[in-house]
Full PDB file with SEQRES, HELIX, SHEET, SSBOND, CRYST1, ORIGX, SCALE, CONECT and MASTER records, all heavy atoms in Angstrom:
SEQRES   1 A   35  TYR VAL VAL ALA GLU GLU GLY ALA ASP LEU ALA ARG ILE          
SEQRES   2 A   35  GLU ASN GLU ILE LYS THR MET PRO LYS TYR PHE SER ASP          
SEQRES   3 A   35  TYR ASP THR THR VAL ASN PHE ILE SER                          
HELIX    1 AA1 LEU A   10  LYS A   18  1                                   9    
CRYST1    1.000    1.000    1.000  90.00  90.00  90.00 P 1           1          
ORIGX1      1.000000  0.000000  0.000000        0.00000                         
ORIGX2      0.000000  1.000000  0.000000        0.00000                         
ORIGX3      0.000000  0.000000  1.000000        0.00000                         
SCALE1      1.000000  0.000000  0.000000        0.00000                         
SCALE2      0.000000  1.000000  0.000000        0.00000                         
SCALE3      0.000000  0.000000  1.000000        0.00000                         
ATOM      1  N   TYR A   1      -3.484  -4.100  -5.821  1.00  0.00           N  
ATOM      2  CA  TYR A   1      -4.909  -3.835  -5.617  1.00  0.00           C  
ATOM      3  C   TYR A   1      -5.238  -4.253  -4.192  1.00  0.00           C  
ATOM      4  O   TYR A   1      -5.040  -5.418  -3.820  1.00  0.00           O  
ATOM      5  CB  TYR A   1      -5.752  -4.599  -6.629  1.00  0.00           C  
ATOM      6  CG  TYR A   1      -5.551  -4.110  -8.055  1.00  0.00           C  
ATOM      7  CD1 TYR A   1      -4.601  -4.699  -8.881  1.00  0.00           C  
ATOM      8  CD2 TYR A   1      -6.289  -3.035  -8.544  1.00  0.00           C  
ATOM      9  CE1 TYR A   1      -4.400  -4.242 -10.170  1.00  0.00           C  
ATOM     10  CE2 TYR A   1      -6.092  -2.570  -9.835  1.00  0.00           C  
ATOM     11  CZ  TYR A   1      -5.143  -3.169 -10.643  1.00  0.00           C  
ATOM     12  OH  TYR A   1      -4.948  -2.706 -11.918  1.00  0.00           O  
ATOM     13  N   VAL A   2      -5.737  -3.299  -3.401  1.00  0.00           N  
ATOM     14  CA  VAL A   2      -5.872  -3.500  -1.961  1.00  0.00           C  
ATOM     15  C   VAL A   2      -7.304  -3.217  -1.508  1.00  0.00           C  
ATOM     16  O   VAL A   2      -7.897  -2.200  -1.881  1.00  0.00           O  
ATOM     17  CB  VAL A   2      -4.896  -2.576  -1.196  1.00  0.00           C  
ATOM     18  CG1 VAL A   2      -5.024  -2.793   0.309  1.00  0.00           C  
ATOM     19  CG2 VAL A   2      -3.459  -2.820  -1.650  1.00  0.00           C  
ATOM     20  N   VAL A   3      -7.842  -4.136  -0.711  1.00  0.00           N  
ATOM     21  CA  VAL A   3      -9.127  -3.930  -0.035  1.00  0.00           C  
ATOM     22  C   VAL A   3      -8.808  -3.575   1.414  1.00  0.00           C  
ATOM     23  O   VAL A   3      -8.219  -4.383   2.138  1.00  0.00           O  
ATOM     24  CB  VAL A   3     -10.015  -5.179  -0.092  1.00  0.00           C  
ATOM     25  CG1 VAL A   3     -11.339  -4.924   0.625  1.00  0.00           C  
ATOM     26  CG2 VAL A   3     -10.243  -5.617  -1.539  1.00  0.00           C  
ATOM     27  N   ALA A   4      -9.196  -2.366   1.824  1.00  0.00           N  
ATOM     28  CA  ALA A   4      -8.883  -1.894   3.170  1.00  0.00           C  
ATOM     29  C   ALA A   4     -10.122  -1.957   4.062  1.00  0.00           C  
ATOM     30  O   ALA A   4     -11.264  -1.904   3.583  1.00  0.00           O  
ATOM     31  CB  ALA A   4      -8.357  -0.465   3.119  1.00  0.00           C  
ATOM     32  N   GLU A   5      -9.871  -2.069   5.358  1.00  0.00           N  
ATOM     33  CA  GLU A   5     -10.973  -1.999   6.319  1.00  0.00           C  
ATOM     34  C   GLU A   5     -11.617  -0.618   6.267  1.00  0.00           C  
ATOM     35  O   GLU A   5     -10.951   0.378   5.959  1.00  0.00           O  
ATOM     36  CB  GLU A   5     -10.444  -2.244   7.740  1.00  0.00           C  
ATOM     37  CG  GLU A   5      -9.934  -3.642   7.991  1.00  0.00           C  
ATOM     38  CD  GLU A   5      -9.363  -3.790   9.390  1.00  0.00           C  
ATOM     39  OE1 GLU A   5      -9.374  -2.783  10.148  1.00  0.00           O  
ATOM     40  OE2 GLU A   5      -8.892  -4.897   9.725  1.00  0.00           O  
ATOM     41  N   GLU A   6     -12.894  -0.574   6.556  1.00  0.00           N  
ATOM     42  CA  GLU A   6     -13.596   0.709   6.581  1.00  0.00           C  
ATOM     43  C   GLU A   6     -12.953   1.614   7.635  1.00  0.00           C  
ATOM     44  O   GLU A   6     -12.742   1.212   8.780  1.00  0.00           O  
ATOM     45  CB  GLU A   6     -15.079   0.503   6.896  1.00  0.00           C  
ATOM     46  CG  GLU A   6     -15.913   1.756   6.723  1.00  0.00           C  
ATOM     47  CD  GLU A   6     -17.409   1.479   6.867  1.00  0.00           C  
ATOM     48  OE1 GLU A   6     -17.810   0.298   6.789  1.00  0.00           O  
ATOM     49  OE2 GLU A   6     -18.155   2.444   7.060  1.00  0.00           O  
ATOM     50  N   GLY A   7     -12.613   2.832   7.232  1.00  0.00           N  
ATOM     51  CA  GLY A   7     -12.015   3.788   8.152  1.00  0.00           C  
ATOM     52  C   GLY A   7     -10.515   3.648   8.312  1.00  0.00           C  
ATOM     53  O   GLY A   7      -9.904   4.406   9.083  1.00  0.00           O  
ATOM     54  N   ALA A   8      -9.889   2.709   7.613  1.00  0.00           N  
ATOM     55  CA  ALA A   8      -8.440   2.527   7.728  1.00  0.00           C  
ATOM     56  C   ALA A   8      -7.695   3.720   7.134  1.00  0.00           C  
ATOM     57  O   ALA A   8      -8.201   4.421   6.249  1.00  0.00           O  
ATOM     58  CB  ALA A   8      -8.018   1.234   7.028  1.00  0.00           C  
ATOM     59  N   ASP A   9      -6.496   3.947   7.613  1.00  0.00           N  
ATOM     60  CA  ASP A   9      -5.648   5.040   7.127  1.00  0.00           C  
ATOM     61  C   ASP A   9      -4.992   4.594   5.812  1.00  0.00           C  
ATOM     62  O   ASP A   9      -3.974   3.893   5.816  1.00  0.00           O  
ATOM     63  CB  ASP A   9      -4.592   5.359   8.190  1.00  0.00           C  
ATOM     64  CG  ASP A   9      -3.734   6.570   7.820  1.00  0.00           C  
ATOM     65  OD1 ASP A   9      -3.715   6.951   6.640  1.00  0.00           O  
ATOM     66  OD2 ASP A   9      -3.076   7.118   8.731  1.00  0.00           O  
ATOM     67  N   LEU A  10      -5.570   5.027   4.709  1.00  0.00           N  
ATOM     68  CA  LEU A  10      -5.099   4.566   3.399  1.00  0.00           C  
ATOM     69  C   LEU A  10      -3.692   5.067   3.099  1.00  0.00           C  
ATOM     70  O   LEU A  10      -2.889   4.357   2.482  1.00  0.00           O  
ATOM     71  CB  LEU A  10      -6.068   5.011   2.302  1.00  0.00           C  
ATOM     72  CG  LEU A  10      -7.527   4.551   2.456  1.00  0.00           C  
ATOM     73  CD1 LEU A  10      -8.323   4.916   1.200  1.00  0.00           C  
ATOM     74  CD2 LEU A  10      -7.617   3.053   2.721  1.00  0.00           C  
ATOM     75  N   ALA A  11      -3.393   6.287   3.512  1.00  0.00           N  
ATOM     76  CA  ALA A  11      -2.054   6.841   3.266  1.00  0.00           C  
ATOM     77  C   ALA A  11      -0.990   6.031   3.991  1.00  0.00           C  
ATOM     78  O   ALA A  11       0.090   5.756   3.448  1.00  0.00           O  
ATOM     79  CB  ALA A  11      -2.004   8.304   3.700  1.00  0.00           C  
ATOM     80  N   ARG A  12      -1.293   5.618   5.231  1.00  0.00           N  
ATOM     81  CA  ARG A  12      -0.346   4.794   5.983  1.00  0.00           C  
ATOM     82  C   ARG A  12      -0.133   3.440   5.313  1.00  0.00           C  
ATOM     83  O   ARG A  12       1.003   2.963   5.176  1.00  0.00           O  
ATOM     84  CB  ARG A  12      -0.840   4.583   7.420  1.00  0.00           C  
ATOM     85  CG  ARG A  12       0.039   3.606   8.224  1.00  0.00           C  
ATOM     86  CD  ARG A  12      -0.565   3.237   9.569  1.00  0.00           C  
ATOM     87  NE  ARG A  12      -1.878   2.642   9.471  1.00  0.00           N  
ATOM     88  CZ  ARG A  12      -2.114   1.370   9.142  1.00  0.00           C  
ATOM     89  NH1 ARG A  12      -1.108   0.562   8.825  1.00  0.00           N  
ATOM     90  NH2 ARG A  12      -3.347   0.900   9.102  1.00  0.00           N  
ATOM     91  N   ILE A  13      -1.238   2.807   4.888  1.00  0.00           N  
ATOM     92  CA  ILE A  13      -1.133   1.504   4.229  1.00  0.00           C  
ATOM     93  C   ILE A  13      -0.294   1.612   2.959  1.00  0.00           C  
ATOM     94  O   ILE A  13       0.605   0.802   2.706  1.00  0.00           O  
ATOM     95  CB  ILE A  13      -2.538   0.945   3.913  1.00  0.00           C  
ATOM     96  CG1 ILE A  13      -3.265   0.590   5.218  1.00  0.00           C  
ATOM     97  CG2 ILE A  13      -2.440  -0.279   3.000  1.00  0.00           C  
ATOM     98  CD1 ILE A  13      -4.725   0.221   5.013  1.00  0.00           C  
ATOM     99  N   GLU A  14      -0.573   2.633   2.144  1.00  0.00           N  
ATOM    100  CA  GLU A  14       0.179   2.812   0.894  1.00  0.00           C  
ATOM    101  C   GLU A  14       1.664   3.022   1.174  1.00  0.00           C  
ATOM    102  O   GLU A  14       2.524   2.441   0.504  1.00  0.00           O  
ATOM    103  CB  GLU A  14      -0.375   4.002   0.110  1.00  0.00           C  
ATOM    104  CG  GLU A  14       0.341   4.218  -1.216  1.00  0.00           C  
ATOM    105  CD  GLU A  14      -0.334   5.259  -2.096  1.00  0.00           C  
ATOM    106  OE1 GLU A  14      -1.445   5.722  -1.741  1.00  0.00           O  
ATOM    107  OE2 GLU A  14       0.239   5.595  -3.143  1.00  0.00           O  
ATOM    108  N   ASN A  15       1.971   3.807   2.209  1.00  0.00           N  
ATOM    109  CA  ASN A  15       3.372   4.054   2.543  1.00  0.00           C  
ATOM    110  C   ASN A  15       4.050   2.782   3.041  1.00  0.00           C  
ATOM    111  O   ASN A  15       5.209   2.509   2.690  1.00  0.00           O  
ATOM    112  CB  ASN A  15       3.461   5.144   3.608  1.00  0.00           C  
ATOM    113  CG  ASN A  15       4.908   5.484   3.942  1.00  0.00           C  
ATOM    114  OD1 ASN A  15       5.654   5.973   3.100  1.00  0.00           O  
ATOM    115  ND2 ASN A  15       5.317   5.207   5.181  1.00  0.00           N  
ATOM    116  N   GLU A  16       3.336   1.993   3.849  1.00  0.00           N  
ATOM    117  CA  GLU A  16       3.913   0.738   4.350  1.00  0.00           C  
ATOM    118  C   GLU A  16       4.221  -0.223   3.203  1.00  0.00           C  
ATOM    119  O   GLU A  16       5.227  -0.940   3.234  1.00  0.00           O  
ATOM    120  CB  GLU A  16       2.975   0.083   5.368  1.00  0.00           C  
ATOM    121  CG  GLU A  16       3.016   0.711   6.747  1.00  0.00           C  
ATOM    122  CD  GLU A  16       2.386  -0.185   7.809  1.00  0.00           C  
ATOM    123  OE1 GLU A  16       2.577  -1.422   7.737  1.00  0.00           O  
ATOM    124  OE2 GLU A  16       1.685   0.351   8.683  1.00  0.00           O  
ATOM    125  N   ILE A  17       3.336  -0.259   2.209  1.00  0.00           N  
ATOM    126  CA  ILE A  17       3.580  -1.118   1.047  1.00  0.00           C  
ATOM    127  C   ILE A  17       4.813  -0.641   0.292  1.00  0.00           C  
ATOM    128  O   ILE A  17       5.753  -1.411   0.030  1.00  0.00           O  
ATOM    129  CB  ILE A  17       2.350  -1.148   0.114  1.00  0.00           C  
ATOM    130  CG1 ILE A  17       1.166  -1.821   0.803  1.00  0.00           C  
ATOM    131  CG2 ILE A  17       2.701  -1.865  -1.195  1.00  0.00           C  
ATOM    132  CD1 ILE A  17      -0.140  -1.687   0.040  1.00  0.00           C  
ATOM    133  N   LYS A  18       4.842   0.633  -0.056  1.00  0.00           N  
ATOM    134  CA  LYS A  18       5.902   1.153  -0.930  1.00  0.00           C  
ATOM    135  C   LYS A  18       7.280   1.131  -0.285  1.00  0.00           C  
ATOM    136  O   LYS A  18       8.296   1.081  -0.990  1.00  0.00           O  
ATOM    137  CB  LYS A  18       5.551   2.580  -1.367  1.00  0.00           C  
ATOM    138  CG  LYS A  18       4.387   2.643  -2.348  1.00  0.00           C  
ATOM    139  CD  LYS A  18       4.147   4.068  -2.829  1.00  0.00           C  
ATOM    140  CE  LYS A  18       3.098   4.103  -3.927  1.00  0.00           C  
ATOM    141  NZ  LYS A  18       2.859   5.473  -4.428  1.00  0.00           N  
ATOM    142  N   THR A  19       7.324   1.155   1.048  1.00  0.00           N  
ATOM    143  CA  THR A  19       8.620   1.173   1.736  1.00  0.00           C  
ATOM    144  C   THR A  19       9.011  -0.184   2.309  1.00  0.00           C  
ATOM    145  O   THR A  19      10.031  -0.303   2.988  1.00  0.00           O  
ATOM    146  CB  THR A  19       8.599   2.213   2.880  1.00  0.00           C  
ATOM    147  OG1 THR A  19       7.549   1.886   3.803  1.00  0.00           O  
ATOM    148  CG2 THR A  19       8.385   3.620   2.331  1.00  0.00           C  
ATOM    149  N   MET A  20       8.228  -1.234   2.022  1.00  0.00           N  
ATOM    150  CA  MET A  20       8.513  -2.555   2.576  1.00  0.00           C  
ATOM    151  C   MET A  20       9.812  -3.113   1.990  1.00  0.00           C  
ATOM    152  O   MET A  20       9.903  -3.329   0.782  1.00  0.00           O  
ATOM    153  CB  MET A  20       7.350  -3.504   2.282  1.00  0.00           C  
ATOM    154  CG  MET A  20       7.422  -4.816   3.047  1.00  0.00           C  
ATOM    155  SD  MET A  20       6.076  -5.959   2.573  1.00  0.00           S  
ATOM    156  CE  MET A  20       4.631  -5.037   3.110  1.00  0.00           C  
ATOM    157  N   PRO A  21      10.834  -3.344   2.835  1.00  0.00           N  
ATOM    158  CA  PRO A  21      12.107  -3.854   2.302  1.00  0.00           C  
ATOM    159  C   PRO A  21      11.953  -5.256   1.723  1.00  0.00           C  
ATOM    160  O   PRO A  21      11.112  -6.035   2.150  1.00  0.00           O  
ATOM    161  CB  PRO A  21      13.032  -3.847   3.528  1.00  0.00           C  
ATOM    162  CG  PRO A  21      12.126  -3.845   4.711  1.00  0.00           C  
ATOM    163  CD  PRO A  21      10.869  -3.151   4.292  1.00  0.00           C  
ATOM    164  N   LYS A  22      12.785  -5.565   0.721  1.00  0.00           N  
ATOM    165  CA  LYS A  22      12.847  -6.846   0.007  1.00  0.00           C  
ATOM    166  C   LYS A  22      11.656  -7.067  -0.921  1.00  0.00           C  
ATOM    167  O   LYS A  22      11.769  -7.776  -1.914  1.00  0.00           O  
ATOM    168  CB  LYS A  22      12.954  -8.035   0.977  1.00  0.00           C  
ATOM    169  CG  LYS A  22      14.230  -8.063   1.799  1.00  0.00           C  
ATOM    170  CD  LYS A  22      14.308  -9.327   2.637  1.00  0.00           C  
ATOM    171  CE  LYS A  22      15.576  -9.357   3.472  1.00  0.00           C  
ATOM    172  NZ  LYS A  22      15.666 -10.569   4.306  1.00  0.00           N  
ATOM    173  N   TYR A  23      10.499  -6.466  -0.605  1.00  0.00           N  
ATOM    174  CA  TYR A  23       9.310  -6.701  -1.415  1.00  0.00           C  
ATOM    175  C   TYR A  23       9.019  -5.545  -2.386  1.00  0.00           C  
ATOM    176  O   TYR A  23       8.797  -5.764  -3.568  1.00  0.00           O  
ATOM    177  CB  TYR A  23       8.098  -6.929  -0.510  1.00  0.00           C  
ATOM    178  CG  TYR A  23       8.075  -8.294   0.143  1.00  0.00           C  
ATOM    179  CD1 TYR A  23       8.720  -8.510   1.359  1.00  0.00           C  
ATOM    180  CD2 TYR A  23       7.430  -9.365  -0.457  1.00  0.00           C  
ATOM    181  CE1 TYR A  23       8.711  -9.767   1.962  1.00  0.00           C  
ATOM    182  CE2 TYR A  23       7.414 -10.620   0.138  1.00  0.00           C  
ATOM    183  CZ  TYR A  23       8.056 -10.813   1.341  1.00  0.00           C  
ATOM    184  OH  TYR A  23       8.049 -12.049   1.928  1.00  0.00           O  
ATOM    185  N   PHE A  24       9.011  -4.308  -1.881  1.00  0.00           N  
ATOM    186  CA  PHE A  24       8.547  -3.190  -2.702  1.00  0.00           C  
ATOM    187  C   PHE A  24       9.489  -1.991  -2.754  1.00  0.00           C  
ATOM    188  O   PHE A  24       9.389  -1.186  -3.672  1.00  0.00           O  
ATOM    189  CB  PHE A  24       7.177  -2.712  -2.195  1.00  0.00           C  
ATOM    190  CG  PHE A  24       6.098  -3.749  -2.317  1.00  0.00           C  
ATOM    191  CD1 PHE A  24       5.702  -4.498  -1.224  1.00  0.00           C  
ATOM    192  CD2 PHE A  24       5.481  -4.001  -3.540  1.00  0.00           C  
ATOM    193  CE1 PHE A  24       4.717  -5.463  -1.327  1.00  0.00           C  
ATOM    194  CE2 PHE A  24       4.499  -4.967  -3.662  1.00  0.00           C  
ATOM    195  CZ  PHE A  24       4.112  -5.700  -2.560  1.00  0.00           C  
ATOM    196  N   SER A  25      10.376  -1.851  -1.789  1.00  0.00           N  
ATOM    197  CA  SER A  25      11.149  -0.609  -1.687  1.00  0.00           C  
ATOM    198  C   SER A  25      12.070  -0.374  -2.884  1.00  0.00           C  
ATOM    199  O   SER A  25      12.407   0.775  -3.186  1.00  0.00           O  
ATOM    200  CB  SER A  25      11.965  -0.597  -0.389  1.00  0.00           C  
ATOM    201  OG  SER A  25      12.844  -1.701  -0.323  1.00  0.00           O  
ATOM    202  N   ASP A  26      12.469  -1.426  -3.579  1.00  0.00           N  
ATOM    203  CA  ASP A  26      13.378  -1.275  -4.724  1.00  0.00           C  
ATOM    204  C   ASP A  26      12.649  -1.130  -6.057  1.00  0.00           C  
ATOM    205  O   ASP A  26      13.294  -1.147  -7.114  1.00  0.00           O  
ATOM    206  CB  ASP A  26      14.324  -2.482  -4.807  1.00  0.00           C  
ATOM    207  CG  ASP A  26      15.292  -2.531  -3.638  1.00  0.00           C  
ATOM    208  OD1 ASP A  26      15.573  -1.468  -3.058  1.00  0.00           O  
ATOM    209  OD2 ASP A  26      15.748  -3.642  -3.289  1.00  0.00           O  
ATOM    210  N   TYR A  27      11.324  -0.999  -6.008  1.00  0.00           N  
ATOM    211  CA  TYR A  27      10.526  -0.967  -7.238  1.00  0.00           C  
ATOM    212  C   TYR A  27       9.627   0.259  -7.270  1.00  0.00           C  
ATOM    213  O   TYR A  27       9.205   0.773  -6.231  1.00  0.00           O  
ATOM    214  CB  TYR A  27       9.629  -2.212  -7.335  1.00  0.00           C  
ATOM    215  CG  TYR A  27      10.373  -3.517  -7.357  1.00  0.00           C  
ATOM    216  CD1 TYR A  27      10.757  -4.135  -6.175  1.00  0.00           C  
ATOM    217  CD2 TYR A  27      10.680  -4.143  -8.560  1.00  0.00           C  
ATOM    218  CE1 TYR A  27      11.446  -5.343  -6.179  1.00  0.00           C  
ATOM    219  CE2 TYR A  27      11.360  -5.353  -8.578  1.00  0.00           C  
ATOM    220  CZ  TYR A  27      11.746  -5.949  -7.392  1.00  0.00           C  
ATOM    221  OH  TYR A  27      12.417  -7.136  -7.409  1.00  0.00           O  
ATOM    222  N   ASP A  28       9.298   0.704  -8.481  1.00  0.00           N  
ATOM    223  CA  ASP A  28       8.220   1.676  -8.638  1.00  0.00           C  
ATOM    224  C   ASP A  28       6.913   0.927  -8.416  1.00  0.00           C  
ATOM    225  O   ASP A  28       6.595  -0.021  -9.153  1.00  0.00           O  
ATOM    226  CB  ASP A  28       8.252   2.304 -10.038  1.00  0.00           C  
ATOM    227  CG  ASP A  28       9.431   3.247 -10.215  1.00  0.00           C  
ATOM    228  OD1 ASP A  28       9.943   3.750  -9.190  1.00  0.00           O  
ATOM    229  OD2 ASP A  28       9.845   3.476 -11.371  1.00  0.00           O  
ATOM    230  N   THR A  29       6.164   1.320  -7.395  1.00  0.00           N  
ATOM    231  CA  THR A  29       4.983   0.582  -6.957  1.00  0.00           C  
ATOM    232  C   THR A  29       3.748   1.462  -7.019  1.00  0.00           C  
ATOM    233  O   THR A  29       3.764   2.597  -6.536  1.00  0.00           O  
ATOM    234  CB  THR A  29       5.172   0.057  -5.512  1.00  0.00           C  
ATOM    235  OG1 THR A  29       6.327  -0.800  -5.479  1.00  0.00           O  
ATOM    236  CG2 THR A  29       3.960  -0.706  -5.042  1.00  0.00           C  
ATOM    237  N   THR A  30       2.687   0.944  -7.622  1.00  0.00           N  
ATOM    238  CA  THR A  30       1.403   1.643  -7.690  1.00  0.00           C  
ATOM    239  C   THR A  30       0.402   0.898  -6.815  1.00  0.00           C  
ATOM    240  O   THR A  30       0.263  -0.324  -6.921  1.00  0.00           O  
ATOM    241  CB  THR A  30       0.878   1.685  -9.140  1.00  0.00           C  
ATOM    242  OG1 THR A  30       1.848   2.332  -9.972  1.00  0.00           O  
ATOM    243  CG2 THR A  30      -0.440   2.450  -9.218  1.00  0.00           C  
ATOM    244  N   VAL A  31      -0.306   1.641  -5.945  1.00  0.00           N  
ATOM    245  CA  VAL A  31      -1.291   1.057  -5.036  1.00  0.00           C  
ATOM    246  C   VAL A  31      -2.673   1.579  -5.384  1.00  0.00           C  
ATOM    247  O   VAL A  31      -2.896   2.796  -5.418  1.00  0.00           O  
ATOM    248  CB  VAL A  31      -0.958   1.376  -3.565  1.00  0.00           C  
ATOM    249  CG1 VAL A  31      -2.018   0.774  -2.638  1.00  0.00           C  
ATOM    250  CG2 VAL A  31       0.437   0.847  -3.201  1.00  0.00           C  
ATOM    251  N   ASN A  32      -3.596   0.658  -5.685  1.00  0.00           N  
ATOM    252  CA  ASN A  32      -4.985   1.015  -5.975  1.00  0.00           C  
ATOM    253  C   ASN A  32      -5.884   0.404  -4.901  1.00  0.00           C  
ATOM    254  O   ASN A  32      -5.828  -0.805  -4.661  1.00  0.00           O  
ATOM    255  CB  ASN A  32      -5.409   0.471  -7.351  1.00  0.00           C  
ATOM    256  CG  ASN A  32      -4.584   1.048  -8.476  1.00  0.00           C  
ATOM    257  OD1 ASN A  32      -4.564   2.245  -8.688  1.00  0.00           O  
ATOM    258  ND2 ASN A  32      -3.885   0.181  -9.204  1.00  0.00           N  
ATOM    259  N   PHE A  33      -6.718   1.235  -4.271  1.00  0.00           N  
ATOM    260  CA  PHE A  33      -7.671   0.737  -3.285  1.00  0.00           C  
ATOM    261  C   PHE A  33      -9.009   0.471  -3.977  1.00  0.00           C  
ATOM    262  O   PHE A  33      -9.546   1.343  -4.668  1.00  0.00           O  
ATOM    263  CB  PHE A  33      -7.846   1.758  -2.151  1.00  0.00           C  
ATOM    264  CG  PHE A  33      -6.631   1.868  -1.277  1.00  0.00           C  
ATOM    265  CD1 PHE A  33      -5.709   2.890  -1.481  1.00  0.00           C  
ATOM    266  CD2 PHE A  33      -6.384   0.935  -0.281  1.00  0.00           C  
ATOM    267  CE1 PHE A  33      -4.572   2.986  -0.685  1.00  0.00           C  
ATOM    268  CE2 PHE A  33      -5.248   1.023   0.515  1.00  0.00           C  
ATOM    269  CZ  PHE A  33      -4.334   2.056   0.317  1.00  0.00           C  
ATOM    270  N   ILE A  34      -9.511  -0.757  -3.834  1.00  0.00           N  
ATOM    271  CA  ILE A  34     -10.752  -1.156  -4.488  1.00  0.00           C  
ATOM    272  C   ILE A  34     -11.618  -1.928  -3.485  1.00  0.00           C  
ATOM    273  O   ILE A  34     -11.176  -2.262  -2.393  1.00  0.00           O  
ATOM    274  CB  ILE A  34     -10.485  -2.023  -5.743  1.00  0.00           C  
ATOM    275  CG1 ILE A  34      -9.740  -3.322  -5.365  1.00  0.00           C  
ATOM    276  CG2 ILE A  34      -9.712  -1.240  -6.803  1.00  0.00           C  
ATOM    277  CD1 ILE A  34      -9.568  -4.280  -6.534  1.00  0.00           C  
ATOM    278  N   SER A  35     -12.841  -2.227  -3.903  1.00  0.00           N  
ATOM    279  CA  SER A  35     -13.755  -2.981  -3.031  1.00  0.00           C  
ATOM    280  C   SER A  35     -13.473  -4.476  -3.132  1.00  0.00           C  
ATOM    281  O   SER A  35     -12.837  -4.946  -4.091  1.00  0.00           O  
ATOM    282  CB  SER A  35     -15.204  -2.715  -3.430  1.00  0.00           C  
ATOM    283  OG  SER A  35     -15.469  -3.283  -4.707  1.00  0.00           O  
TER     284      SER A  35                                                      
MASTER        0    0    0    1    0    0    0    6  283    1    0    3          
END                                                                             
């Protein structure tokens, strides 16, 4: 669950999370943007 800055590139943030080595790249990861 992620709170992003106004106007931030959400697709980029989601991709950075899902491809982060050691933390997320080896897992099925779901990203939800919320307030």
